[in-house]
């Protein structure tokens, strides 16, 4: 095999390495400017932005579409958009209600809330898996199972039946799907 087979894209290799370094530096700078919340997954919107940033990063350094410069511009736009939406959510309760999903109660005090399971499209097998993952031995141990705004499922459980969840922890959780 001819050695030119491995080295026919010397310019592309140099461009990829340089582009990777530049995009990496840009992401570090943008993260310092906009804060680590830029990569949080606290809401569905945060998750979408994080995925989009990762996608643009990967596409920019792996191919010429989008170009490094266009990728950088898109990254700046995504970080800025994320910051503006976060600021809007922080300053306006109406905006927060419009943008964010509410966490939804799937189980309470050992009982499955089937209407919420059906409405949220969470299957019984998925619920069972999350209960096992949380080391639940008995359904009576489960105080609450919550479908979070990010799509994650939280399992609150204890073997001490006298303990109750504090209202603050459950304050934003919808008990019935609308």
Protein backbone atom coordinates (compact mmCIF):
# COMPACT_ATOMS: atom_id res chain seq x y z
CA UNK A 1 0.00 0.00 0.00
CA UNK A 2 1.26 3.41 -0.99
CA UNK A 3 2.02 5.85 1.88
CA UNK A 4 0.16 8.58 -0.02
CA UNK A 5 -3.03 6.69 0.86
CA UNK A 6 -2.67 7.85 4.49
CA UNK A 7 -1.37 11.36 3.80
CA UNK A 8 -3.43 12.67 0.90
CA UNK A 9 -5.33 15.22 3.02
CA UNK A 10 -2.49 17.01 4.80
CA UNK A 11 -4.28 20.38 4.55
CA UNK A 12 -7.48 18.92 5.97
CA UNK A 13 -5.62 17.45 8.95
CA UNK A 14 -3.99 20.78 9.77
CA UNK A 15 -7.31 22.61 9.32
CA UNK A 16 -9.09 20.11 11.60
CA UNK A 17 -6.49 20.39 14.36
CA UNK A 18 -6.46 24.19 14.18
CA UNK A 19 -10.27 24.33 14.07
CA UNK A 20 -10.57 21.99 17.04
CA UNK A 21 -8.23 24.16 19.11
CA UNK A 22 -10.08 27.35 18.13
CA UNK A 23 -13.54 25.92 18.84
CA UNK A 24 -12.31 24.49 22.16
CA UNK A 25 -10.89 27.87 23.20
CA UNK A 26 -14.13 29.57 22.14
CA UNK A 27 -16.22 27.17 24.26
CA UNK A 28 -13.96 27.78 27.28
CA UNK A 29 -14.29 31.56 26.81
CA UNK A 30 -18.09 31.37 26.31
CA UNK A 31 -18.43 29.16 29.37
CA UNK A 32 -16.44 31.68 31.43
CA UNK A 33 -18.62 34.53 30.12
CA UNK A 34 -22.03 32.85 30.38
CA UNK A 35 -21.32 30.47 33.27
CA UNK A 36 -21.50 26.74 33.82
CA UNK A 37 -25.31 26.85 33.73
CA UNK A 38 -24.84 26.85 29.96
CA UNK A 39 -24.32 23.09 30.23
CA UNK A 40 -26.90 22.29 32.88
CA UNK A 41 -29.76 19.96 32.24
CA UNK A 42 -32.18 21.48 34.72
CA UNK A 43 -34.90 22.04 32.13
CA UNK A 44 -35.79 20.59 28.76
CA UNK A 45 -34.60 23.81 27.13
CA UNK A 46 -31.20 23.50 28.84
CA UNK A 47 -30.92 19.95 27.58
CA UNK A 48 -31.74 20.96 23.99
CA UNK A 49 -29.13 23.74 24.06
CA UNK A 50 -26.49 21.35 25.47
CA UNK A 51 -27.20 18.82 22.73
CA UNK A 52 -27.13 21.56 20.07
CA UNK A 53 -23.78 22.87 21.34
CA UNK A 54 -22.33 19.36 21.26
CA UNK A 55 -23.69 18.78 17.78
CA UNK A 56 -22.26 22.04 16.40
CA UNK A 57 -18.94 21.33 18.11
CA UNK A 58 -18.76 17.87 16.56
CA UNK A 59 -19.82 18.99 13.11
CA UNK A 60 -17.47 21.97 13.08
CA UNK A 61 -14.37 19.99 13.94
CA UNK A 62 -15.25 16.84 11.97
CA UNK A 63 -16.29 18.32 8.66
CA UNK A 64 -16.33 21.51 6.72
CA UNK A 65 -20.09 21.89 7.22
CA UNK A 66 -20.55 24.17 9.05
CA UNK A 67 -17.17 25.81 8.64
CA UNK A 68 -15.14 26.63 11.74
CA UNK A 69 -16.15 30.29 11.48
CA UNK A 70 -19.83 29.49 10.98
CA UNK A 71 -19.66 26.95 13.81
CA UNK A 72 -18.16 29.63 16.07
CA UNK A 73 -20.94 32.08 15.16
CA UNK A 74 -23.61 29.43 15.83
CA UNK A 75 -22.00 28.59 19.19
CA UNK A 76 -22.00 32.27 20.19
CA UNK A 77 -25.66 32.50 19.13
CA UNK A 78 -26.60 29.37 21.14
CA UNK A 79 -24.80 30.56 24.29
CA UNK A 80 -26.42 33.99 23.92
CA UNK A 81 -29.87 32.51 23.34
CA UNK A 82 -29.48 30.25 26.34
CA UNK A 83 -28.43 33.21 28.49
CA UNK A 84 -31.37 35.33 27.29
CA UNK A 85 -33.91 32.57 27.91
CA UNK A 86 -32.41 31.90 31.36
CA UNK A 87 -32.58 35.61 32.17
CA UNK A 88 -36.17 35.79 30.91
CA UNK A 89 -37.14 32.74 33.00
CA UNK A 90 -35.44 34.26 36.04
CA UNK A 91 -37.20 37.63 35.71
CA UNK A 92 -40.68 36.50 34.62
CA UNK A 93 -42.80 33.81 36.19
CA UNK A 94 -45.03 33.79 33.08
CA UNK A 95 -42.01 33.15 30.85
CA UNK A 96 -40.85 30.40 33.19
CA UNK A 97 -44.28 28.75 33.03
CA UNK A 98 -44.31 29.03 29.25
CA UNK A 99 -40.78 27.67 28.72
CA UNK A 100 -40.47 25.03 31.43
CA UNK A 101 -42.37 21.81 31.90
CA UNK A 102 -43.56 21.03 35.40
CA UNK A 103 -42.31 17.90 37.12
CA UNK A 104 -45.06 15.27 37.23
CA UNK A 105 -45.84 12.84 40.04
CA UNK A 106 -45.88 9.21 38.82
CA UNK A 107 -46.10 7.47 42.21
CA UNK A 108 -47.10 8.62 45.66
CA UNK A 109 -46.90 6.63 48.91
CA UNK A 110 -46.36 3.34 47.10
CA UNK A 111 -49.24 3.80 44.62
CA UNK A 112 -48.75 4.21 40.89
CA UNK A 113 -50.68 7.13 39.41
CA UNK A 114 -51.73 5.44 36.18
CA UNK A 115 -53.33 8.51 34.60
CA UNK A 116 -50.05 10.45 34.93
CA UNK A 117 -48.07 7.46 33.64
CA UNK A 118 -50.31 7.29 30.58
CA UNK A 119 -50.29 11.05 29.99
CA UNK A 120 -46.49 11.25 30.24
CA UNK A 121 -45.94 8.13 28.11
CA UNK A 122 -43.80 6.49 30.80
CA UNK A 123 -44.17 2.72 30.57
CA UNK A 124 -44.55 0.40 33.51
CA UNK A 125 -41.26 -1.27 32.53
CA UNK A 126 -39.46 2.10 32.66
CA UNK A 127 -40.93 2.81 36.09
CA UNK A 128 -39.92 -0.64 37.35
CA UNK A 129 -36.40 -0.11 36.01
CA UNK A 130 -36.07 3.23 37.85
CA UNK A 131 -37.34 1.67 41.07
CA UNK A 132 -34.73 -1.09 40.81
CA UNK A 133 -32.04 1.46 39.97
CA UNK A 134 -32.93 3.30 43.19
CA UNK A 135 -32.68 0.03 45.18
CA UNK A 136 -36.35 0.04 46.15
CA UNK A 137 -37.25 -3.30 47.76
CA UNK A 138 -40.93 -2.67 48.51
CA UNK A 139 -43.41 -0.30 46.91
CA UNK A 140 -44.44 0.77 50.41
CA UNK A 141 -40.95 2.38 50.74
CA UNK A 142 -41.67 4.74 47.85
CA UNK A 143 -42.76 8.21 48.94
CA UNK A 144 -42.74 9.70 45.43
CA UNK A 145 -41.58 9.03 41.89
CA UNK A 146 -41.31 12.19 39.82
CA UNK A 147 -40.84 12.70 36.09
CA UNK A 148 -38.54 15.72 36.13
CA UNK A 149 -38.54 18.58 33.61
CA UNK A 150 -35.49 17.05 31.92
CA UNK A 151 -37.16 13.67 31.40
CA UNK A 152 -35.19 12.09 34.24
CA UNK A 153 -37.09 10.13 36.86
CA UNK A 154 -36.44 10.79 40.55
CA UNK A 155 -37.30 8.16 43.13
CA UNK A 156 -37.81 9.32 46.72
CA UNK A 157 -37.89 6.40 49.12
CA UNK A 158 -37.16 5.41 52.70
CA UNK A 159 -37.63 2.41 54.96
CA UNK A 160 -38.75 4.76 57.77
CA UNK A 161 -42.51 4.96 57.27
CA UNK A 162 -42.82 7.88 59.69
CA UNK A 163 -40.82 10.20 57.45
CA UNK A 164 -42.78 12.44 55.08
CA UNK A 165 -41.54 14.54 52.19
CA UNK A 166 -41.29 18.22 52.99
CA UNK A 167 -43.60 20.53 51.06
CA UNK A 168 -40.66 22.49 49.67
CA UNK A 169 -39.29 19.43 47.86
CA UNK A 170 -42.66 18.75 46.25
CA UNK A 171 -43.60 22.43 45.72
CA UNK A 172 -43.41 22.53 41.92
CA UNK A 173 -44.53 18.93 41.24
CA UNK A 174 -47.86 18.53 39.46
CA UNK A 175 -49.98 15.87 41.14
CA UNK A 176 -52.34 15.43 38.17
CA UNK A 177 -51.58 15.77 34.49
CA UNK A 178 -53.71 18.51 32.94
